[in-house]
Amino acid sequence: MKKPVPFGKYYLLERINVGGMAEVFRAKSFGVEGFERLVAVKRILPNIAEDRDFIKMFIDEAKIAVQLGHANIAQIFDLGVVDNAYYIALEHVHGRDLRAIFDRCRTQGEPMSIAQACFVIMKVCEGLDYAHNKRDQSGREIGLVHRDVSPQNVLVSFEGEVKLIDFGIAKAADKSAKTQAGILKGKFGYMSPEQVRGLPIDRRSDIFSTGICLYEMLTGERLFVGESDFSTLEKVRNVEILPPSTYNRKIPDELERIVLKALAKDTDDRYQNAIDLHDELQAFVYTASEFYSRKDLAAWMKRTFAREIEEEQREICRVHDEPP
């Protein structure tokens, strides 16, 4: 995208991602006296927008997600429609998702450090715990479940912030997948066994998915991946897991126990709350002296993605200098 494209009250600068359900643009909003803000605009793809059930659920869920205000959840600013295209505008997180980070670690030939992996997942758990316990205005628990905790939905900024995205959208996608083939494709490897079976799910499903992310970052290997979607689903259904130390001998017994508890097949054997997983990881990092901070993560991100940061900064400056 060469020149900013008007889209309602936003200007789309460049497309940064596209999936089975939506495309995401880096965009700018403008106000009085030269006020401007960089945002991400997620626009529902035209073929999905024709599904009225999906759109209704998308709107309902976005209304819930907009109430979530937490440091580890990307903030939603706006929900709207332009030329029959529904969109949400959300906080722009200048960084990379965990999938890109996982791929970069593989390219470098070693998995993420134990301290770094634990830190990232602890932050994911903090965001999940907040959302899982969110109450409505009358004080009743909403019962929010993310349903799609996966590397693509965990963003790490170049400043070392960790943020979950797509809260509330997964449920709509889940329901609509019966009529819209491909929405969930590629996500099968991050589902819980009860999700694969089509059973009712609760917060413990998100904990299982978080456990998969932790396993993969620690080992540098995909956990549930088959030659086809069906074989991947079968692996999840049967919870076929090799202990993480099979791939990474540096993983201590206590950390392995934590990972495998998060990945327990039976929901009753899992951590019952995201904060319980967080607290056990925290106790482990203190005991093992695996201390890590946002500052450490920021330094690693800036070092690891130095070339990309420079290129993106040049592009943002170029667009900034062009009048819309």
Protein backbone atom coordinates (compact mmCIF):
# COMPACT_ATOMS: atom_id res chain seq x y z
CA MET A 1 0.00 0.00 0.00
CA LYS A 2 1.77 3.12 -1.28
CA LYS A 3 -0.48 5.98 -0.17
CA PRO A 4 -2.77 6.18 2.89
CA VAL A 5 -6.27 4.99 1.97
CA PRO A 6 -9.27 6.67 3.66
CA PHE A 7 -11.45 4.24 5.62
CA GLY A 8 -14.13 5.96 7.67
CA LYS A 9 -12.34 8.13 10.22
CA TYR A 10 -9.06 6.26 9.68
CA TYR A 11 -6.35 6.18 7.05
CA LEU A 12 -5.05 2.71 6.25
CA LEU A 13 -1.27 2.82 5.89
CA GLU A 14 -0.36 -0.78 5.09
CA ARG A 15 -1.73 -4.28 5.49
CA ILE A 16 0.22 -6.14 8.15
CA ASN A 17 -1.68 -9.42 8.37
CA VAL A 18 -4.45 -11.42 6.74
CA GLY A 19 -6.19 -14.55 7.97
CA GLY A 20 -9.24 -16.64 7.20
CA MET A 21 -11.54 -14.16 8.88
CA ALA A 22 -10.07 -10.67 8.71
CA GLU A 23 -7.26 -8.50 7.44
CA VAL A 24 -5.30 -6.16 9.69
CA PHE A 25 -3.94 -2.76 8.71
CA ARG A 26 -1.61 -0.34 10.38
CA ALA A 27 -3.68 2.84 10.37
CA LYS A 28 -3.85 6.39 11.68
CA SER A 29 -6.66 8.39 13.20
CA PHE A 30 -6.55 12.17 13.16
CA GLY A 31 -8.06 14.79 15.45
CA VAL A 32 -7.90 18.53 16.02
CA GLU A 33 -4.69 20.56 16.21
CA GLY A 34 -2.57 17.89 14.52
CA PHE A 35 -3.57 15.15 16.96
CA GLU A 36 -2.95 11.70 15.51
CA ARG A 37 -2.75 8.16 16.77
CA LEU A 38 -1.39 4.95 15.28
CA VAL A 39 -3.92 2.11 15.56
CA ALA A 40 -4.52 -1.35 14.13
CA VAL A 41 -7.71 -1.77 12.10
CA LYS A 42 -9.02 -5.31 11.78
CA ARG A 43 -11.47 -5.48 8.89
CA ILE A 44 -13.74 -8.48 8.43
CA LEU A 45 -13.28 -10.12 5.02
CA PRO A 46 -16.18 -9.65 2.57
CA ASN A 47 -17.08 -13.36 2.34
CA ILE A 48 -17.38 -13.54 6.15
CA ALA A 49 -19.31 -10.26 6.38
CA GLU A 50 -22.17 -11.87 4.46
CA ASP A 51 -22.74 -14.30 7.34
CA ARG A 52 -25.32 -12.43 9.46
CA ASP A 53 -25.00 -14.84 12.39
CA PHE A 54 -21.26 -14.25 12.48
CA ILE A 55 -21.62 -10.47 12.31
CA LYS A 56 -24.20 -10.45 15.13
CA MET A 57 -21.92 -12.53 17.33
CA PHE A 58 -18.88 -10.48 16.32
CA ILE A 59 -20.66 -7.30 17.43
CA ASP A 60 -21.92 -8.86 20.68
CA GLU A 61 -18.49 -10.20 21.57
CA ALA A 62 -16.71 -6.96 20.61
CA LYS A 63 -19.02 -5.10 23.01
CA ILE A 64 -17.73 -7.34 25.79
CA ALA A 65 -14.10 -7.18 24.68
CA VAL A 66 -14.13 -3.36 24.63
CA GLN A 67 -14.73 -3.44 28.41
CA LEU A 68 -11.42 -5.22 28.99
CA GLY A 69 -8.82 -2.82 30.32
CA HIS A 70 -5.60 -4.59 31.26
CA ALA A 71 -1.90 -4.11 30.53
CA ASN A 72 -1.67 -7.59 28.95
CA ILE A 73 -4.71 -7.28 26.68
CA ALA A 74 -4.64 -5.07 23.58
CA GLN A 75 -7.26 -2.37 24.08
CA ILE A 76 -10.18 -2.10 21.63
CA PHE A 77 -11.03 1.53 20.81
CA ASP A 78 -13.80 1.32 18.28
CA LEU A 79 -16.27 -0.96 16.51
CA GLY A 80 -17.86 0.19 13.27
CA VAL A 81 -18.84 -0.43 9.68
CA VAL A 82 -17.64 1.30 6.51
CA ASP A 83 -19.22 0.39 3.15
CA ASN A 84 -20.69 -2.79 4.67
CA ALA A 85 -17.25 -3.78 6.00
CA TYR A 86 -17.26 -4.33 9.75
CA TYR A 87 -14.09 -3.49 11.64
CA ILE A 88 -12.58 -3.01 15.05
CA ALA A 89 -9.86 -0.48 15.79
CA LEU A 90 -7.47 -1.55 18.48
CA GLU A 91 -4.25 -0.58 20.15
CA HIS A 92 -1.32 -0.77 17.75
CA VAL A 93 1.38 -2.98 19.25
CA HIS A 94 4.68 -2.28 17.53
CA GLY A 95 6.38 -5.66 17.71
CA ARG A 96 5.94 -9.28 16.65
CA ASP A 97 3.63 -12.13 17.54
CA LEU A 98 4.88 -15.29 19.23
CA ARG A 99 4.74 -17.20 15.94
CA ALA A 100 7.28 -14.82 14.35
CA ILE A 101 9.40 -15.00 17.51
CA PHE A 102 9.23 -18.82 17.53
CA ASP A 103 10.29 -18.87 13.85
CA ARG A 104 13.19 -16.47 14.52
CA CYS A 105 14.42 -18.63 17.41
CA ARG A 106 14.34 -21.68 15.12
CA THR A 107 16.30 -19.78 12.49
CA GLN A 108 18.88 -18.94 15.14
CA GLY A 109 19.05 -22.62 16.06
CA GLU A 110 17.94 -22.54 19.68
CA PRO A 111 14.66 -22.19 21.57
CA MET A 112 13.76 -19.21 23.72
CA SER A 113 15.56 -19.06 27.06
CA ILE A 114 13.77 -20.60 30.03
CA ALA A 115 13.57 -17.25 31.86
CA GLN A 116 12.15 -15.47 28.81
CA ALA A 117 9.55 -18.16 28.03
CA CYS A 118 8.35 -18.18 31.65
CA PHE A 119 8.14 -14.36 31.73
CA VAL A 120 6.06 -14.17 28.52
CA ILE A 121 3.64 -16.88 29.66
CA MET A 122 3.27 -15.30 33.11
CA LYS A 123 2.14 -12.10 31.38
CA VAL A 124 -0.31 -14.07 29.21
CA CYS A 125 -1.68 -15.63 32.41
CA GLU A 126 -2.16 -12.20 33.99
CA GLY A 127 -4.26 -11.05 31.03
CA LEU A 128 -6.26 -14.29 30.99
CA ASP A 129 -6.92 -14.21 34.72
CA TYR A 130 -8.27 -10.66 34.46
CA ALA A 131 -10.57 -11.58 31.55
CA HIS A 132 -11.73 -14.88 33.04
CA ASN A 133 -12.83 -13.04 36.21
CA LYS A 134 -14.36 -10.03 34.46
CA ARG A 135 -17.77 -9.06 35.84
CA ASP A 136 -20.59 -7.08 34.27
CA GLN A 137 -21.98 -3.87 35.74
CA SER A 138 -24.27 -5.78 38.08
CA GLY A 139 -21.34 -7.77 39.46
CA ARG A 140 -22.03 -11.07 37.71
CA GLU A 141 -19.12 -12.98 36.14
CA ILE A 142 -19.31 -12.78 32.36
CA GLY A 143 -17.68 -16.21 31.96
CA LEU A 144 -15.39 -14.99 29.18
CA VAL A 145 -13.18 -17.60 27.52
CA HIS A 146 -10.68 -16.56 24.84
CA ARG A 147 -10.98 -19.84 22.84
CA ASP A 148 -7.98 -19.04 20.64
CA VAL A 149 -4.87 -18.58 22.77
CA SER A 150 -2.20 -19.24 20.14
CA PRO A 151 1.15 -17.72 19.10
CA GLN A 152 -0.58 -15.54 16.49
CA ASN A 153 -2.71 -13.97 19.22
CA VAL A 154 0.11 -13.10 21.63
CA LEU A 155 1.93 -9.92 20.66
CA VAL A 156 5.28 -8.87 22.10
CA SER A 157 6.18 -5.22 21.59
CA PHE A 158 9.70 -3.97 20.95
CA GLU A 159 9.40 -2.30 24.37
CA GLY A 160 8.91 -5.69 26.05
CA GLU A 161 5.14 -5.57 26.57
CA VAL A 162 3.11 -8.78 26.17
CA LYS A 163 -0.47 -8.44 24.95
CA LEU A 164 -3.27 -10.84 24.07
CA ILE A 165 -5.43 -9.97 21.08
CA ASP A 166 -8.74 -11.19 19.63
CA PHE A 167 -10.66 -11.58 22.88
CA GLY A 168 -14.29 -12.22 22.06
CA ILE A 169 -13.75 -12.75 18.36
CA ALA A 170 -12.87 -16.42 18.67
CA LYS A 171 -16.35 -17.39 19.86
CA ALA A 172 -17.94 -15.85 16.79
CA ALA A 173 -15.40 -17.58 14.54
CA ASP A 174 -15.98 -20.85 16.37
CA LYS A 175 -19.74 -20.75 15.76
CA SER A 176 -19.41 -19.53 12.20
CA ALA A 177 -16.83 -22.15 11.21
CA LYS A 178 -19.65 -24.58 10.37
CA THR A 179 -20.60 -22.39 7.44
CA GLN A 180 -17.32 -20.62 6.71
CA ALA A 181 -14.66 -23.16 5.86
CA GLY A 182 -11.13 -22.18 6.73
CA ILE A 183 -11.70 -19.80 9.64
CA LEU A 184 -10.18 -22.15 12.18
CA LYS A 185 -7.70 -23.76 9.80
CA GLY A 186 -4.19 -23.65 11.22
CA LYS A 187 -5.50 -23.19 14.75
CA PHE A 188 -6.24 -26.87 15.39
CA GLY A 189 -2.82 -27.38 16.97
CA TYR A 190 -3.69 -24.94 19.77
CA MET A 191 -7.10 -26.28 20.78
CA SER A 192 -7.83 -28.16 23.98
CA PRO A 193 -9.03 -31.78 23.76
CA GLU A 194 -12.50 -30.78 24.97
CA GLN A 195 -12.66 -28.06 22.30
CA VAL A 196 -11.76 -30.59 19.60
CA ARG A 197 -14.51 -32.88 20.88
CA GLY A 198 -17.07 -30.10 20.68
CA LEU A 199 -17.72 -30.22 24.43
CA PRO A 200 -18.56 -27.15 26.54
CA ILE A 201 -15.39 -25.25 27.40
CA ASP A 202 -14.36 -22.97 30.24
CA ARG A 203 -11.24 -21.09 31.36
CA ARG A 204 -9.31 -24.37 31.66
CA SER A 205 -9.38 -24.70 27.87
CA ASP A 206 -7.43 -21.43 27.63
CA ILE A 207 -4.96 -22.80 30.19
CA PHE A 208 -4.33 -25.87 28.00
CA SER A 209 -3.71 -23.62 24.97
CA THR A 210 -1.34 -21.48 27.05
CA GLY A 211 0.49 -24.66 28.04
CA ILE A 212 0.99 -25.48 24.35
CA CYS A 213 2.57 -22.04 23.77
CA LEU A 214 4.89 -22.54 26.75
CA TYR A 215 5.89 -26.04 25.58
CA GLU A 216 6.71 -24.79 22.08
CA MET A 217 8.76 -21.83 23.25
CA LEU A 218 10.79 -24.00 25.62
CA THR A 219 11.45 -26.76 23.09
CA GLY A 220 11.54 -24.93 19.75
CA GLU A 221 9.24 -27.68 18.44
CA ARG A 222 5.56 -27.72 17.51
CA LEU A 223 3.56 -29.84 19.95
CA PHE A 224 0.51 -30.92 17.97
CA VAL A 225 1.23 -31.00 14.27
CA GLY A 226 0.14 -33.76 11.90
CA GLU A 227 0.32 -34.39 8.17
CA SER A 228 -3.30 -33.23 7.86
CA ASP A 229 -5.84 -31.30 9.92
CA PHE A 230 -7.45 -34.61 10.87
CA SER A 231 -4.21 -36.12 12.19
CA THR A 232 -3.48 -32.90 14.12
CA LEU A 233 -6.94 -33.07 15.69
CA GLU A 234 -6.37 -36.71 16.62
CA LYS A 235 -3.11 -35.82 18.36
CA VAL A 236 -4.88 -33.12 20.36
CA ARG A 237 -7.82 -35.41 21.14
CA ASN A 238 -5.47 -38.11 22.48
CA VAL A 239 -3.11 -35.56 24.06
CA GLU A 240 -0.02 -37.24 22.60
CA ILE A 241 2.80 -35.41 24.38
CA LEU A 242 6.50 -36.14 24.74
CA PRO A 243 7.96 -34.52 27.87
CA PRO A 244 9.52 -31.16 26.89
CA SER A 245 12.92 -32.28 28.21
CA THR A 246 12.96 -34.78 25.30
CA TYR A 247 13.83 -31.78 23.09
CA ASN A 248 15.55 -29.50 25.58
CA ARG A 249 17.69 -31.10 28.28
CA LYS A 250 18.05 -27.74 30.06
CA ILE A 251 14.42 -27.86 31.24
CA PRO A 252 14.41 -28.62 35.00
CA ASP A 253 12.07 -31.26 36.46
CA GLU A 254 9.95 -28.66 38.27
CA LEU A 255 9.32 -26.65 35.09
CA GLU A 256 8.50 -29.84 33.20
CA ARG A 257 5.96 -30.73 35.90
CA ILE A 258 4.33 -27.29 35.52
CA VAL A 259 4.13 -27.61 31.71
CA LEU A 260 2.62 -31.09 31.85
CA LYS A 261 0.06 -30.05 34.49
CA ALA A 262 -1.11 -27.21 32.22
CA LEU A 263 -1.42 -29.83 29.44
CA ALA A 264 -3.32 -32.44 31.46
CA LYS A 265 -5.93 -34.23 29.35
CA ASP A 266 -8.54 -34.16 32.12
CA THR A 267 -9.63 -30.61 32.98
CA ASP A 268 -9.76 -31.49 36.71
CA ASP A 269 -6.04 -32.37 36.62
CA ARG A 270 -5.09 -29.03 35.06
CA TYR A 271 -4.55 -25.67 36.72
CA GLN A 272 -8.05 -24.44 37.50
CA ASN A 273 -7.18 -20.77 37.10
CA ALA A 274 -4.64 -18.92 34.96
CA ILE A 275 -3.27 -17.20 38.06
CA ASP A 276 -2.42 -20.62 39.56
CA LEU A 277 -0.23 -21.38 36.52
CA HIS A 278 1.27 -17.89 36.84
CA ASP A 279 2.06 -18.36 40.53
CA GLU A 280 3.75 -21.74 40.02
CA LEU A 281 5.88 -20.31 37.20
CA GLN A 282 6.76 -17.35 39.43
CA ALA A 283 7.76 -19.64 42.29
CA PHE A 284 9.89 -21.67 39.86
CA VAL A 285 11.75 -18.66 38.42
CA TYR A 286 12.53 -17.36 41.93
CA THR A 287 13.75 -20.73 43.16
CA ALA A 288 15.79 -21.38 40.00
CA SER A 289 17.11 -17.76 39.89
CA GLU A 290 15.72 -17.41 36.35
CA PHE A 291 14.97 -13.71 36.84
CA TYR A 292 13.71 -11.77 33.84
CA SER A 293 12.04 -8.41 33.28
CA ARG A 294 10.28 -6.30 30.68
CA LYS A 295 13.58 -4.46 30.18
CA ASP A 296 15.33 -7.76 29.33
CA LEU A 297 12.57 -8.68 26.86
CA ALA A 298 12.75 -5.24 25.21
CA ALA A 299 16.54 -5.54 24.79
CA TRP A 300 16.17 -9.02 23.25
CA MET A 301 13.41 -7.89 20.85
CA LYS A 302 15.37 -4.81 19.72
CA ARG A 303 18.49 -6.90 19.17
CA THR A 304 16.72 -9.79 17.44
CA PHE A 305 14.55 -7.68 15.13
CA ALA A 306 16.92 -4.71 14.66
CA ARG A 307 16.76 -4.73 10.85
CA GLU A 308 12.94 -4.96 10.76
CA ILE A 309 12.55 -2.19 13.35
CA GLU A 310 14.72 0.13 11.25
CA GLU A 311 12.77 -0.65 8.05
CA GLU A 312 9.38 -0.18 9.74
CA GLN A 313 10.45 3.08 11.34
CA ARG A 314 11.51 4.39 7.93
CA GLU A 315 8.14 3.39 6.45
CA ILE A 316 6.14 4.97 9.29
CA CYS A 317 8.15 8.21 8.96
CA ARG A 318 7.61 8.23 5.19
CA VAL A 319 3.85 7.85 5.55
CA HIS A 320 3.84 10.42 8.35
CA ASP A 321 5.39 12.99 6.05
CA GLU A 322 2.79 12.38 3.33
CA PRO A 323 -0.48 14.32 3.67
CA PRO A 324 -3.51 11.99 3.74
